[in-house]
Protein backbone atom coordinates (compact mmCIF):
# COMPACT_ATOMS: atom_id res chain seq x y z
CA MET A 1 49.73 -18.41 -17.03
CA PRO A 2 47.53 -19.63 -13.68
CA GLU A 3 43.57 -19.64 -13.42
CA ALA A 4 42.05 -16.50 -12.40
CA SER A 5 40.83 -17.06 -8.93
CA GLY A 6 37.52 -16.37 -7.90
CA ALA A 7 38.19 -15.49 -4.59
CA ARG A 8 38.06 -12.16 -4.36
CA LEU A 9 34.36 -11.83 -6.40
CA GLU A 10 31.49 -11.16 -4.91
CA PRO A 11 28.64 -13.92 -5.11
CA VAL A 12 25.93 -12.96 -7.75
CA ARG A 13 22.32 -12.29 -6.21
CA ARG A 14 19.56 -13.03 -8.21
CA GLU A 15 16.16 -12.58 -7.30
CA THR A 16 14.32 -15.63 -7.58
CA LEU A 17 10.96 -15.52 -10.38
CA HIS A 18 8.96 -16.38 -7.00
CA GLU A 19 10.09 -12.92 -5.31
CA THR A 20 9.23 -11.27 -8.49
CA ALA A 21 6.43 -12.54 -8.65
CA TYR A 22 5.31 -11.78 -4.96
CA THR A 23 6.44 -8.75 -5.09
CA GLU A 24 4.77 -7.57 -8.18
CA ILE A 25 1.39 -8.88 -7.21
CA ARG A 26 1.86 -7.75 -3.67
CA ALA A 27 2.26 -3.91 -4.93
CA ALA A 28 -1.11 -4.57 -7.36
CA LEU A 29 -2.87 -5.66 -3.88
CA THR A 30 -1.35 -2.08 -2.07
CA SER A 31 -2.00 0.33 -4.62
CA GLY A 32 -5.01 -0.62 -5.11
CA ARG A 33 -4.31 -1.79 -9.10
CA MET A 34 -6.70 -4.65 -8.15
CA LYS A 35 -10.21 -4.30 -7.23
CA MET A 36 -12.43 -5.92 -4.24
CA GLY A 37 -14.20 -9.50 -5.71
CA GLU A 38 -11.71 -9.40 -8.71
CA SER A 39 -11.54 -12.99 -9.79
CA LEU A 40 -8.02 -14.21 -10.75
CA THR A 41 -6.26 -17.20 -11.94
CA LEU A 42 -2.84 -18.52 -11.69
CA ARG A 43 -3.11 -18.42 -15.69
CA SER A 44 -3.87 -15.05 -16.00
CA LEU A 45 -1.67 -14.18 -13.72
CA ALA A 46 1.28 -16.11 -15.15
CA ALA A 47 0.32 -14.39 -18.90
CA ALA A 48 0.35 -10.87 -17.01
CA LEU A 49 3.84 -11.16 -15.72
CA GLY A 50 5.32 -12.78 -18.19
CA ILE A 51 6.32 -15.48 -16.48
CA SER A 52 5.13 -19.39 -15.46
CA GLU A 53 2.49 -20.87 -13.18
CA THR A 54 4.96 -22.64 -10.99
CA PRO A 55 6.68 -19.66 -9.77
CA VAL A 56 3.07 -17.58 -10.07
CA ARG A 57 1.70 -20.09 -7.78
CA GLU A 58 4.07 -19.90 -4.91
CA ALA A 59 3.43 -16.25 -4.65
CA VAL A 60 -0.22 -17.06 -4.22
CA ARG A 61 0.13 -19.45 -1.66
CA ARG A 62 1.83 -16.57 0.60
CA LEU A 63 -0.57 -13.96 -0.51
CA VAL A 64 -3.69 -16.17 0.48
CA THR A 65 -1.95 -17.03 3.77
CA GLU A 66 -1.11 -12.97 5.07
CA GLY A 67 -5.07 -12.28 4.08
CA ALA A 68 -4.56 -10.54 1.08
CA LEU A 69 -6.21 -13.06 -1.88
CA GLU A 70 -8.48 -15.84 -1.06
CA ALA A 71 -8.46 -19.17 -2.67
CA VAL A 72 -12.10 -20.21 -4.23
CA PRO A 73 -13.50 -23.77 -4.93
CA ASN A 74 -13.26 -23.64 -8.74
CA ARG A 75 -9.86 -23.31 -8.35
CA SER A 76 -9.03 -19.54 -8.86
CA ILE A 77 -7.98 -17.02 -6.11
CA SER A 78 -10.43 -13.95 -5.60
CA VAL A 79 -9.36 -10.69 -4.35
CA PRO A 80 -11.17 -10.44 -0.54
CA VAL A 81 -14.48 -8.61 -0.36
CA MET A 82 -14.34 -5.87 2.35
CA THR A 83 -17.41 -5.40 5.37
CA ARG A 84 -18.10 -2.97 7.00
CA ALA A 85 -16.98 -4.52 10.30
CA LYS A 86 -13.84 -5.52 8.56
CA LEU A 87 -13.28 -1.45 8.30
CA GLU A 88 -13.73 -0.54 11.24
CA GLU A 89 -11.35 -2.63 12.30
CA GLN A 90 -8.83 -2.18 9.88
CA ARG A 91 -9.27 1.66 10.50
CA GLN A 92 -8.39 1.24 14.36
CA VAL A 93 -5.29 -0.68 13.36
CA ARG A 94 -4.28 1.35 11.17
CA VAL A 95 -4.49 4.29 13.26
CA GLU A 96 -2.29 2.67 15.94
CA LEU A 97 0.55 1.17 13.75
CA GLU A 98 0.64 4.30 11.11
CA GLY A 99 0.69 6.39 14.18
CA LEU A 100 3.43 5.29 15.80
CA ALA A 101 5.23 4.76 12.38
CA THR A 102 4.70 8.97 11.46
CA GLU A 103 5.77 9.74 15.24
CA MET A 104 8.58 7.54 15.18
CA ALA A 105 9.74 9.35 11.17
CA VAL A 106 9.67 12.89 12.21
CA ALA A 107 13.13 12.99 14.14
CA ASN A 108 14.61 11.18 10.92
CA LEU A 109 13.43 12.71 7.84
CA THR A 110 15.27 15.17 6.53
CA PRO A 111 14.84 18.41 4.55
CA THR A 112 15.11 16.60 1.27
CA ASP A 113 13.30 13.45 2.58
CA ILE A 114 10.22 16.33 3.24
CA LYS A 115 10.74 17.62 -0.14
CA HIS A 116 10.46 14.58 -1.78
CA LEU A 117 7.31 13.75 0.18
CA ALA A 118 5.89 17.11 -1.19
CA ALA A 119 6.42 16.21 -4.79
CA LEU A 120 4.77 12.86 -4.77
CA ASP A 121 1.75 14.72 -2.79
CA ALA A 122 1.94 16.91 -5.57
CA GLN A 123 1.73 13.95 -8.29
CA MET A 124 -0.84 12.76 -6.37
CA ALA A 125 -3.24 16.15 -6.63
CA ALA A 126 -2.56 16.30 -10.28
CA ALA A 127 -2.94 12.79 -11.33
CA GLY A 128 -6.62 13.80 -9.81
CA LYS A 129 -7.32 16.42 -11.46
CA ALA A 130 -6.35 14.42 -14.81
CA GLY A 131 -8.69 11.37 -12.98
CA ASP A 132 -5.69 9.03 -13.31
CA THR A 133 -7.25 7.39 -9.90
CA VAL A 134 -4.24 4.77 -10.95
CA THR A 135 -1.64 7.14 -10.45
CA VAL A 136 -3.54 8.79 -7.51
CA LEU A 137 -3.56 5.42 -5.46
CA ALA A 138 0.03 4.34 -6.36
CA ARG A 139 1.52 7.56 -5.33
CA ASN A 140 -0.54 7.86 -1.93
CA SER A 141 1.14 4.94 -1.18
CA ASP A 142 4.91 5.95 -2.32
CA PHE A 143 4.05 9.11 -0.06
CA HIS A 144 3.03 6.88 3.03
CA MET A 145 5.21 4.01 2.75
CA SER A 146 8.11 6.67 2.30
CA ILE A 147 7.01 7.68 5.83
CA TYR A 148 6.64 4.63 7.50
CA ARG A 149 10.18 3.89 6.07
CA ALA A 150 11.63 6.77 7.90
CA SER A 151 10.69 5.02 11.54
CA ARG A 152 13.61 2.78 10.72
CA SER A 153 10.91 -0.16 12.44
CA ASP A 154 11.54 -3.17 10.68
CA LEU A 155 8.64 -4.56 12.52
CA LEU A 156 6.09 -1.52 11.90
CA VAL A 157 6.78 -1.58 8.72
CA ASP A 158 6.00 -5.14 7.80
CA LEU A 159 2.95 -5.38 9.83
CA ILE A 160 1.63 -1.94 8.07
CA GLU A 161 2.35 -3.30 4.51
CA ILE A 162 -0.37 -6.49 5.69
CA THR A 163 -2.71 -3.96 6.72
CA TRP A 164 -2.21 -2.05 3.02
CA LEU A 165 -2.29 -5.41 1.83
CA ARG A 166 -5.47 -6.04 2.62
CA ALA A 167 -6.93 -2.38 2.21
CA GLY A 168 -5.81 -1.72 -0.95
CA PRO A 169 -8.05 -3.29 -3.02
CA LEU A 170 -10.92 -1.53 -1.59
CA LEU A 171 -8.74 2.01 -2.14
CA THR A 172 -10.38 1.25 -6.03
CA LEU A 173 -13.88 3.25 -4.07
CA VAL A 174 -12.23 6.69 -4.57
CA ASP A 175 -12.64 6.92 -8.05
CA GLY A 176 -15.31 9.31 -9.14
CA ARG A 177 -15.52 10.70 -5.43
CA PRO A 178 -14.00 13.89 -5.57
CA GLU A 179 -14.41 14.21 -1.61
CA MET A 180 -12.10 11.90 -0.88
CA MET A 181 -9.42 13.32 -2.83
CA LYS A 182 -10.40 16.89 -0.90
CA ASN A 183 -10.07 15.26 2.21
CA ALA A 184 -6.45 13.41 1.49
CA LYS A 185 -5.29 16.79 -0.14
CA SER A 186 -5.78 18.65 3.42
CA ALA A 187 -4.53 15.85 5.63
CA HIS A 188 -1.44 16.00 3.47
CA ARG A 189 -0.78 19.29 4.17
CA ASP A 190 -1.67 19.25 7.76
CA LEU A 191 1.07 15.84 7.84
CA LEU A 192 3.48 17.89 5.57
CA ALA A 193 3.40 20.62 7.75
CA ALA A 194 3.89 18.71 10.97
CA LEU A 195 6.92 17.15 9.50
CA ARG A 196 8.75 20.08 8.35
CA ASN A 197 7.85 22.02 12.10
CA GLN A 198 9.36 18.58 13.39
CA ASP A 199 5.99 18.06 15.35
CA PRO A 200 4.97 14.24 16.17
CA ILE A 201 2.33 14.91 17.82
CA ALA A 202 0.81 17.16 15.59
CA ALA A 203 1.98 14.35 12.41
CA ARG A 204 0.30 11.83 14.23
CA ALA A 205 -2.75 13.75 14.28
CA ALA A 206 -2.90 14.52 10.90
CA LEU A 207 -1.52 10.94 10.12
CA ALA A 208 -5.00 9.81 11.91
CA GLU A 209 -7.33 12.19 10.36
CA ASP A 210 -6.23 11.06 7.23
CA ILE A 211 -7.34 7.60 8.13
CA ASN A 212 -10.50 8.17 10.03
CA ALA A 213 -12.31 10.87 7.30
CA ALA A 214 -11.27 7.90 4.55
CA ALA A 215 -12.74 5.01 6.53
CA GLU A 216 -15.99 7.38 6.98
CA GLN A 217 -16.42 7.93 3.79
CA LEU A 218 -15.11 4.17 2.71
CA ASP A 219 -18.28 3.10 5.17
CA ALA A 220 -20.93 5.16 3.42
CA VAL A 221 -19.58 3.42 0.37
CA LEU A 222 -19.65 -0.27 1.54
CA GLY A 223 -23.23 0.59 3.60
CA ASP A 224 -24.55 1.71 0.07
CA ASP A 225 -23.58 -1.08 -1.32
CA GLY A 226 -25.40 -3.16 1.29
CA ARG A 227 -21.61 -4.49 2.64
CA GLY A 228 -22.95 -4.83 6.74
């Protein structure tokens, strides 16, 4: 009996450990699971991920190049510390990039998509009431990125993800500050209403309101901490 041919089989695609490590560390930064100034080592990251240091080293090298992590002299890695000047620069860039992505997404979002966004926002609000900051930040990231991906612009999404990589650790400062949750809830409500009405101008305005209000409050916190 002739041996079966594998010509009709699709090649097996397997994500490398380096890509897995990069994706997980990147997600932790974007969703605020790592704090500004936090010191990390290849050994601690590898242990947390359950893999060897080699793929983690490659992942960290990429994130350092992207400005999401900093290499420090003692061979450890640090999450960059935000300053008020950097925050203002990020605010301006985010308003433009994320505003454009939101405006472009309006025509592509279906009622089912918007229902999903509303569910994410509700989960974020419930987590806020429970004092679960980790879930608040994760659902907030899911909410926004779902909108931006609906723009169908890979370039815009890539640029936005880079800004979120650098901004994510700063978002941990929302912990214990209910006024930030209150403002986010209001902005998300306005944004969802604009999306339901298929109003790109109102959607972009609501998104800007969200970013600007958060930046104003975070600027005050950084000022109190002496980060000028």
